[in-house]
Amino acid sequence: MSDYFTFDSKIIRSVKPLISKPGFLTNEYLKGKRMLYISPLRMFIFLSIIFFLVLSFFNSSQIQYADLQPVDNQFWNQFFEQWLPKLFFVLLPIFALIVAMFFSKKKMGMISHFLFALHFHSSIFLVGIIYSFLSWIFAGFQHQLINVILLNLSFLYLLFNLWKALRTVYAESKLKTTWKFIFIVVLYSIILVVSCLILLFLLSINH
């Protein structure tokens, strides 16, 4: 586990493009330039650990559940800190399958689509980390309004990130990329919401 936290030039070189160059890392891996970067799986695990640690910290120090009982706090903490990370990991191959379904003519193997899924979900975690820190920094300064703005900007950026990554990796026209992007977002959102609801239901039964 300790090697996931080895901050060297590879990590900086690997993490920065997730924000600045969506799709770049996937292309680099497909070109065989793997030694320059940390593996997509390691980066996914590393950023997911950091994200949920940050989420846990701000959840305990900043978010107040005034109208909830302690037992409810424990339930939601368990959901966000223990089960949501596992859910994202389970959904990775499903996201890869959805992408593969829309880009089947590209004759790319499932490993390539899975690499794409790992990099995009790593981007989600990285944006989530940045959002959490910015939200914490602006706490107290009309925090609710700023938080809504930051949340919307983060969501819009992730949509752009996915669109740009699809365009970069699969190299189709803007029109084709856009309609495929829309269907991918809709399908994955439905699966994500349904999965969360099922997980919450199962947890509530055992709570």
C-alpha atoms as a PDB file:
ATOM      1  CA  MET A   1       0.000   0.000   0.000  1.00  0.00           C
ATOM      2  CA  SER A   2       2.883   2.384   0.747  1.00  0.00           C
ATOM      3  CA  ASP A   3       3.988   2.555  -2.883  1.00  0.00           C
ATOM      4  CA  TYR A   4       0.637   4.171  -3.756  1.00  0.00           C
ATOM      5  CA  PHE A   5       1.784   7.161  -1.725  1.00  0.00           C
ATOM      6  CA  THR A   6       5.230   7.570  -3.296  1.00  0.00           C
ATOM      7  CA  PHE A   7       5.116  11.131  -4.575  1.00  0.00           C
ATOM      8  CA  ASP A   8       7.599  11.224  -7.420  1.00  0.00           C
ATOM      9  CA  SER A   9       7.694  12.817 -10.834  1.00  0.00           C
ATOM     10  CA  LYS A  10       5.568  10.014 -12.254  1.00  0.00           C
ATOM     11  CA  ILE A  11       2.610  10.979 -10.083  1.00  0.00           C
ATOM     12  CA  ILE A  12       2.781  14.652 -11.058  1.00  0.00           C
ATOM     13  CA  ARG A  13       3.242  13.696 -14.696  1.00  0.00           C
ATOM     14  CA  SER A  14       0.277  11.341 -14.461  1.00  0.00           C
ATOM     15  CA  VAL A  15      -2.173  13.421 -12.429  1.00  0.00           C
ATOM     16  CA  LYS A  16      -1.801  16.790 -14.173  1.00  0.00           C
ATOM     17  CA  PRO A  17      -3.117  15.648 -17.600  1.00  0.00           C
ATOM     18  CA  LEU A  18      -6.287  14.312 -15.982  1.00  0.00           C
ATOM     19  CA  ILE A  19      -7.367  17.945 -15.669  1.00  0.00           C
ATOM     20  CA  SER A  20      -5.425  19.739 -18.388  1.00  0.00           C
ATOM     21  CA  LYS A  21      -5.494  17.136 -21.191  1.00  0.00           C
ATOM     22  CA  PRO A  22      -8.488  14.765 -20.999  1.00  0.00           C
ATOM     23  CA  GLY A  23      -7.781  11.584 -22.941  1.00  0.00           C
ATOM     24  CA  PHE A  24      -4.046  12.262 -23.207  1.00  0.00           C
ATOM     25  CA  LEU A  25      -2.995   9.602 -20.698  1.00  0.00           C
ATOM     26  CA  THR A  26      -5.108   6.911 -22.337  1.00  0.00           C
ATOM     27  CA  ASN A  27      -3.526   7.671 -25.705  1.00  0.00           C
ATOM     28  CA  GLU A  28      -0.053   7.604 -24.169  1.00  0.00           C
ATOM     29  CA  TYR A  29      -0.730   4.148 -22.762  1.00  0.00           C
ATOM     30  CA  LEU A  30      -2.143   2.916 -26.050  1.00  0.00           C
ATOM     31  CA  LYS A  31       1.044   4.158 -27.752  1.00  0.00           C
ATOM     32  CA  GLY A  32       3.111   2.061 -25.362  1.00  0.00           C
ATOM     33  CA  LYS A  33       4.542   4.953 -23.322  1.00  0.00           C
ATOM     34  CA  ARG A  34       3.686   3.299 -20.027  1.00  0.00           C
ATOM     35  CA  MET A  35       6.986   3.684 -18.191  1.00  0.00           C
ATOM     36  CA  LEU A  36       6.573   7.464 -18.003  1.00  0.00           C
ATOM     37  CA  TYR A  37       3.417   7.269 -15.888  1.00  0.00           C
ATOM     38  CA  ILE A  38       2.023   5.378 -12.920  1.00  0.00           C
ATOM     39  CA  SER A  39      -0.373   2.613 -13.885  1.00  0.00           C
ATOM     40  CA  PRO A  40      -4.025   3.634 -14.358  1.00  0.00           C
ATOM     41  CA  LEU A  41      -5.165   1.178 -11.680  1.00  0.00           C
ATOM     42  CA  ARG A  42      -2.685   2.526  -9.129  1.00  0.00           C
ATOM     43  CA  MET A  43      -3.704   6.076  -9.933  1.00  0.00           C
ATOM     44  CA  PHE A  44      -7.386   5.180  -9.580  1.00  0.00           C
ATOM     45  CA  ILE A  45      -6.764   3.548  -6.188  1.00  0.00           C
ATOM     46  CA  PHE A  46      -4.485   6.378  -5.046  1.00  0.00           C
ATOM     47  CA  LEU A  47      -6.920   9.174  -5.970  1.00  0.00           C
ATOM     48  CA  SER A  48      -9.946   7.273  -4.659  1.00  0.00           C
ATOM     49  CA  ILE A  49      -8.223   6.803  -1.285  1.00  0.00           C
ATOM     50  CA  ILE A  50      -7.316  10.495  -1.129  1.00  0.00           C
ATOM     51  CA  PHE A  51     -10.808  11.553  -2.237  1.00  0.00           C
ATOM     52  CA  PHE A  52     -12.669   9.493   0.339  1.00  0.00           C
ATOM     53  CA  LEU A  53     -10.210  10.467   3.083  1.00  0.00           C
ATOM     54  CA  VAL A  54     -10.831  14.118   2.210  1.00  0.00           C
ATOM     55  CA  LEU A  55     -14.572  13.461   2.075  1.00  0.00           C
ATOM     56  CA  SER A  56     -14.419  11.790   5.467  1.00  0.00           C
ATOM     57  CA  PHE A  57     -12.445  14.682   6.965  1.00  0.00           C
ATOM     58  CA  PHE A  58     -14.788  17.389   5.714  1.00  0.00           C
ATOM     59  CA  ASN A  59     -17.809  15.266   6.561  1.00  0.00           C
ATOM     60  CA  SER A  60     -16.733  15.095  10.206  1.00  0.00           C
ATOM     61  CA  SER A  61     -15.340  18.614  10.597  1.00  0.00           C
ATOM     62  CA  GLN A  62     -17.553  20.749   8.390  1.00  0.00           C
ATOM     63  CA  ILE A  63     -20.901  19.146   7.560  1.00  0.00           C
ATOM     64  CA  GLN A  64     -23.476  19.325  10.314  1.00  0.00           C
ATOM     65  CA  TYR A  65     -26.450  16.981  10.391  1.00  0.00           C
ATOM     66  CA  ALA A  66     -28.538  19.085  12.743  1.00  0.00           C
ATOM     67  CA  ASP A  67     -31.776  17.266  12.097  1.00  0.00           C
ATOM     68  CA  LEU A  68     -30.355  13.749  12.086  1.00  0.00           C
ATOM     69  CA  GLN A  69     -29.840  11.324  14.925  1.00  0.00           C
ATOM     70  CA  PRO A  70     -26.293  10.002  15.566  1.00  0.00           C
ATOM     71  CA  VAL A  71     -27.346   6.642  14.180  1.00  0.00           C
ATOM     72  CA  ASP A  72     -28.268   8.373  10.887  1.00  0.00           C
ATOM     73  CA  ASN A  73     -24.887  10.089  10.797  1.00  0.00           C
ATOM     74  CA  GLN A  74     -23.228   6.720  11.184  1.00  0.00           C
ATOM     75  CA  PHE A  75     -25.328   5.289   8.367  1.00  0.00           C
ATOM     76  CA  TRP A  76     -24.376   8.024   5.903  1.00  0.00           C
ATOM     77  CA  ASN A  77     -20.739   7.976   6.969  1.00  0.00           C
ATOM     78  CA  GLN A  78     -20.667   4.258   6.307  1.00  0.00           C
ATOM     79  CA  PHE A  79     -22.279   4.744   2.906  1.00  0.00           C
ATOM     80  CA  PHE A  80     -19.885   7.456   1.725  1.00  0.00           C
ATOM     81  CA  GLU A  81     -16.690   6.164   3.313  1.00  0.00           C
ATOM     82  CA  GLN A  82     -17.010   2.396   2.943  1.00  0.00           C
ATOM     83  CA  TRP A  83     -19.526   1.428   0.299  1.00  0.00           C
ATOM     84  CA  LEU A  84     -19.435   4.200  -2.301  1.00  0.00           C
ATOM     85  CA  PRO A  85     -15.730   3.585  -3.127  1.00  0.00           C
ATOM     86  CA  LYS A  86     -16.497  -0.108  -3.641  1.00  0.00           C
ATOM     87  CA  LEU A  87     -19.479   0.757  -5.810  1.00  0.00           C
ATOM     88  CA  PHE A  88     -17.349   2.935  -8.098  1.00  0.00           C
ATOM     89  CA  PHE A  89     -14.856   0.089  -8.478  1.00  0.00           C
ATOM     90  CA  VAL A  90     -17.649  -2.343  -9.390  1.00  0.00           C
ATOM     91  CA  LEU A  91     -19.090   0.123 -11.916  1.00  0.00           C
ATOM     92  CA  LEU A  92     -15.765   0.618 -13.726  1.00  0.00           C
ATOM     93  CA  PRO A  93     -16.169  -2.355 -16.096  1.00  0.00           C
ATOM     94  CA  ILE A  94     -19.805  -1.412 -16.678  1.00  0.00           C
ATOM     95  CA  PHE A  95     -18.747   2.077 -17.771  1.00  0.00           C
ATOM     96  CA  ALA A  96     -16.082   0.501 -20.004  1.00  0.00           C
ATOM     97  CA  LEU A  97     -18.727  -1.755 -21.569  1.00  0.00           C
ATOM     98  CA  ILE A  98     -21.007   1.216 -22.257  1.00  0.00           C
ATOM     99  CA  VAL A  99     -18.165   3.078 -23.969  1.00  0.00           C
ATOM    100  CA  ALA A 100     -17.202  -0.047 -25.934  1.00  0.00           C
ATOM    101  CA  MET A 101     -20.796  -0.446 -27.096  1.00  0.00           C
ATOM    102  CA  PHE A 102     -20.807   3.012 -28.695  1.00  0.00           C
ATOM    103  CA  PHE A 103     -17.309   2.749 -30.154  1.00  0.00           C
ATOM    104  CA  SER A 104     -17.368  -0.887 -31.280  1.00  0.00           C
ATOM    105  CA  LYS A 105     -16.296   0.029 -34.822  1.00  0.00           C
ATOM    106  CA  LYS A 106     -12.954   1.256 -33.511  1.00  0.00           C
ATOM    107  CA  LYS A 107     -11.787  -2.356 -33.095  1.00  0.00           C
ATOM    108  CA  MET A 108     -10.252  -1.552 -29.733  1.00  0.00           C
ATOM    109  CA  GLY A 109     -10.000  -4.272 -27.107  1.00  0.00           C
ATOM    110  CA  MET A 110     -11.807  -4.120 -23.783  1.00  0.00           C
ATOM    111  CA  ILE A 111      -8.524  -3.364 -22.044  1.00  0.00           C
ATOM    112  CA  SER A 112      -8.339  -0.075 -23.964  1.00  0.00           C
ATOM    113  CA  HIS A 113     -11.870   0.855 -22.915  1.00  0.00           C
ATOM    114  CA  PHE A 114     -11.084  -0.147 -19.333  1.00  0.00           C
ATOM    115  CA  LEU A 115      -8.008   2.122 -19.388  1.00  0.00           C
ATOM    116  CA  PHE A 116     -10.264   4.942 -20.546  1.00  0.00           C
ATOM    117  CA  ALA A 117     -12.703   4.187 -17.712  1.00  0.00           C
ATOM    118  CA  LEU A 118      -9.910   4.189 -15.127  1.00  0.00           C
ATOM    119  CA  HIS A 119      -8.580   7.539 -16.311  1.00  0.00           C
ATOM    120  CA  PHE A 120     -12.010   9.185 -16.410  1.00  0.00           C
ATOM    121  CA  HIS A 121     -12.971   7.968 -12.944  1.00  0.00           C
ATOM    122  CA  SER A 122      -9.595   9.146 -11.675  1.00  0.00           C
ATOM    123  CA  SER A 123     -10.542  12.556 -13.089  1.00  0.00           C
ATOM    124  CA  ILE A 124     -13.796  12.420 -11.118  1.00  0.00           C
ATOM    125  CA  PHE A 125     -11.891  11.802  -7.893  1.00  0.00           C
ATOM    126  CA  LEU A 126      -9.345  14.541  -8.652  1.00  0.00           C
ATOM    127  CA  VAL A 127     -12.065  17.105  -9.372  1.00  0.00           C
ATOM    128  CA  GLY A 128     -13.841  15.982  -6.202  1.00  0.00           C
ATOM    129  CA  ILE A 129     -10.673  16.559  -4.169  1.00  0.00           C
ATOM    130  CA  ILE A 130     -10.199  20.046  -5.636  1.00  0.00           C
ATOM    131  CA  TYR A 131     -13.873  20.894  -5.071  1.00  0.00           C
ATOM    132  CA  SER A 132     -13.717  19.738  -1.436  1.00  0.00           C
ATOM    133  CA  PHE A 133     -10.676  21.870  -0.683  1.00  0.00           C
ATOM    134  CA  LEU A 134     -12.111  24.952  -2.400  1.00  0.00           C
ATOM    135  CA  SER A 135     -15.404  24.493  -0.569  1.00  0.00           C
ATOM    136  CA  TRP A 136     -13.486  24.266   2.715  1.00  0.00           C
ATOM    137  CA  ILE A 137     -11.409  27.375   1.907  1.00  0.00           C
ATOM    138  CA  PHE A 138     -14.525  29.448   1.179  1.00  0.00           C
ATOM    139  CA  ALA A 139     -16.441  28.148   4.193  1.00  0.00           C
ATOM    140  CA  GLY A 140     -18.042  31.068   6.031  1.00  0.00           C
ATOM    141  CA  PHE A 141     -18.011  33.466   3.061  1.00  0.00           C
ATOM    142  CA  GLN A 142     -21.591  33.051   1.830  1.00  0.00           C
ATOM    143  CA  HIS A 143     -20.617  29.418   1.818  1.00  0.00           C
ATOM    144  CA  GLN A 144     -23.909  28.028   0.553  1.00  0.00           C
ATOM    145  CA  LEU A 145     -23.896  30.159  -2.607  1.00  0.00           C
ATOM    146  CA  ILE A 146     -20.206  29.566  -3.306  1.00  0.00           C
ATOM    147  CA  ASN A 147     -20.644  25.860  -2.668  1.00  0.00           C
ATOM    148  CA  VAL A 148     -23.471  25.661  -5.216  1.00  0.00           C
ATOM    149  CA  ILE A 149     -21.359  27.534  -7.775  1.00  0.00           C
ATOM    150  CA  LEU A 150     -18.335  25.301  -7.173  1.00  0.00           C
ATOM    151  CA  LEU A 151     -20.467  22.168  -7.360  1.00  0.00           C
ATOM    152  CA  ASN A 152     -22.045  23.210 -10.662  1.00  0.00           C
ATOM    153  CA  LEU A 153     -18.693  24.218 -12.145  1.00  0.00           C
ATOM    154  CA  SER A 154     -17.207  20.876 -11.103  1.00  0.00           C
ATOM    155  CA  PHE A 155     -20.104  18.979 -12.669  1.00  0.00           C
ATOM    156  CA  LEU A 156     -19.920  20.969 -15.911  1.00  0.00           C
ATOM    157  CA  TYR A 157     -16.174  20.472 -16.093  1.00  0.00           C
ATOM    158  CA  LEU A 158     -16.535  16.704 -15.664  1.00  0.00           C
ATOM    159  CA  LEU A 159     -19.014  16.637 -18.536  1.00  0.00           C
ATOM    160  CA  PHE A 160     -16.548  18.569 -20.684  1.00  0.00           C
ATOM    161  CA  ASN A 161     -13.732  16.301 -19.496  1.00  0.00           C
ATOM    162  CA  LEU A 162     -15.605  13.199 -20.632  1.00  0.00           C
ATOM    163  CA  TRP A 163     -16.553  14.728 -23.989  1.00  0.00           C
ATOM    164  CA  LYS A 164     -12.988  15.885 -24.642  1.00  0.00           C
ATOM    165  CA  ALA A 165     -11.529  12.539 -23.572  1.00  0.00           C
ATOM    166  CA  LEU A 166     -13.890  10.655 -25.904  1.00  0.00           C
ATOM    167  CA  ARG A 167     -12.971  12.978 -28.761  1.00  0.00           C
ATOM    168  CA  THR A 168      -9.248  12.631 -28.062  1.00  0.00           C
ATOM    169  CA  VAL A 169      -9.105   8.856 -27.628  1.00  0.00           C
ATOM    170  CA  TYR A 170     -11.650   7.708 -30.199  1.00  0.00           C
ATOM    171  CA  ALA A 171     -10.960  10.486 -32.722  1.00  0.00           C
ATOM    172  CA  GLU A 172     -14.450  10.851 -34.170  1.00  0.00           C
ATOM    173  CA  SER A 173     -16.163  14.004 -35.405  1.00  0.00           C
ATOM    174  CA  LYS A 174     -17.579  16.490 -32.920  1.00  0.00           C
ATOM    175  CA  LEU A 175     -21.130  15.555 -33.918  1.00  0.00           C
ATOM    176  CA  LYS A 176     -20.605  11.798 -33.486  1.00  0.00           C
ATOM    177  CA  THR A 177     -18.723  12.315 -30.256  1.00  0.00           C
ATOM    178  CA  THR A 178     -21.487  14.556 -28.905  1.00  0.00           C
ATOM    179  CA  TRP A 179     -24.419  12.220 -29.489  1.00  0.00           C
ATOM    180  CA  LYS A 180     -22.475   9.227 -28.183  1.00  0.00           C
ATOM    181  CA  PHE A 181     -21.387  11.293 -25.186  1.00  0.00           C
ATOM    182  CA  ILE A 182     -25.030  12.154 -24.407  1.00  0.00           C
ATOM    183  CA  PHE A 183     -26.130   8.514 -24.491  1.00  0.00           C
ATOM    184  CA  ILE A 184     -23.137   7.396 -22.416  1.00  0.00           C
ATOM    185  CA  VAL A 185     -23.869  10.037 -19.755  1.00  0.00           C
ATOM    186  CA  VAL A 186     -27.578   9.180 -19.625  1.00  0.00           C
ATOM    187  CA  LEU A 187     -27.029   5.416 -19.449  1.00  0.00           C
ATOM    188  CA  TYR A 188     -24.269   5.589 -16.871  1.00  0.00           C
ATOM    189  CA  SER A 189     -26.184   8.108 -14.757  1.00  0.00           C
ATOM    190  CA  ILE A 190     -29.202   5.798 -14.659  1.00  0.00           C
ATOM    191  CA  ILE A 191     -27.019   2.833 -13.692  1.00  0.00           C
ATOM    192  CA  LEU A 192     -25.211   4.890 -11.042  1.00  0.00           C
ATOM    193  CA  VAL A 193     -28.432   6.200  -9.479  1.00  0.00           C
ATOM    194  CA  VAL A 194     -30.126   2.786  -9.496  1.00  0.00           C
ATOM    195  CA  SER A 195     -27.000   1.180  -8.016  1.00  0.00           C
ATOM    196  CA  CYS A 196     -26.866   3.778  -5.239  1.00  0.00           C
ATOM    197  CA  LEU A 197     -30.553   3.275  -4.455  1.00  0.00           C
ATOM    198  CA  ILE A 198     -30.139  -0.501  -4.304  1.00  0.00           C
ATOM    199  CA  LEU A 199     -27.078  -0.138  -2.089  1.00  0.00           C
ATOM    200  CA  LEU A 200     -28.889   2.277   0.229  1.00  0.00           C
ATOM    201  CA  PHE A 201     -31.841  -0.088   0.430  1.00  0.00           C
ATOM    202  CA  LEU A 202     -29.620  -3.058   1.307  1.00  0.00           C
ATOM    203  CA  LEU A 203     -27.729  -1.035   3.900  1.00  0.00           C
ATOM    204  CA  SER A 204     -30.967   0.231   5.458  1.00  0.00           C
ATOM    205  CA  ILE A 205     -32.192  -3.348   5.877  1.00  0.00           C
ATOM    206  CA  ASN A 206     -29.045  -4.327   7.757  1.00  0.00           C
ATOM    207  CA  HIS A 207     -28.812  -1.042   9.672  1.00  0.00           C
END
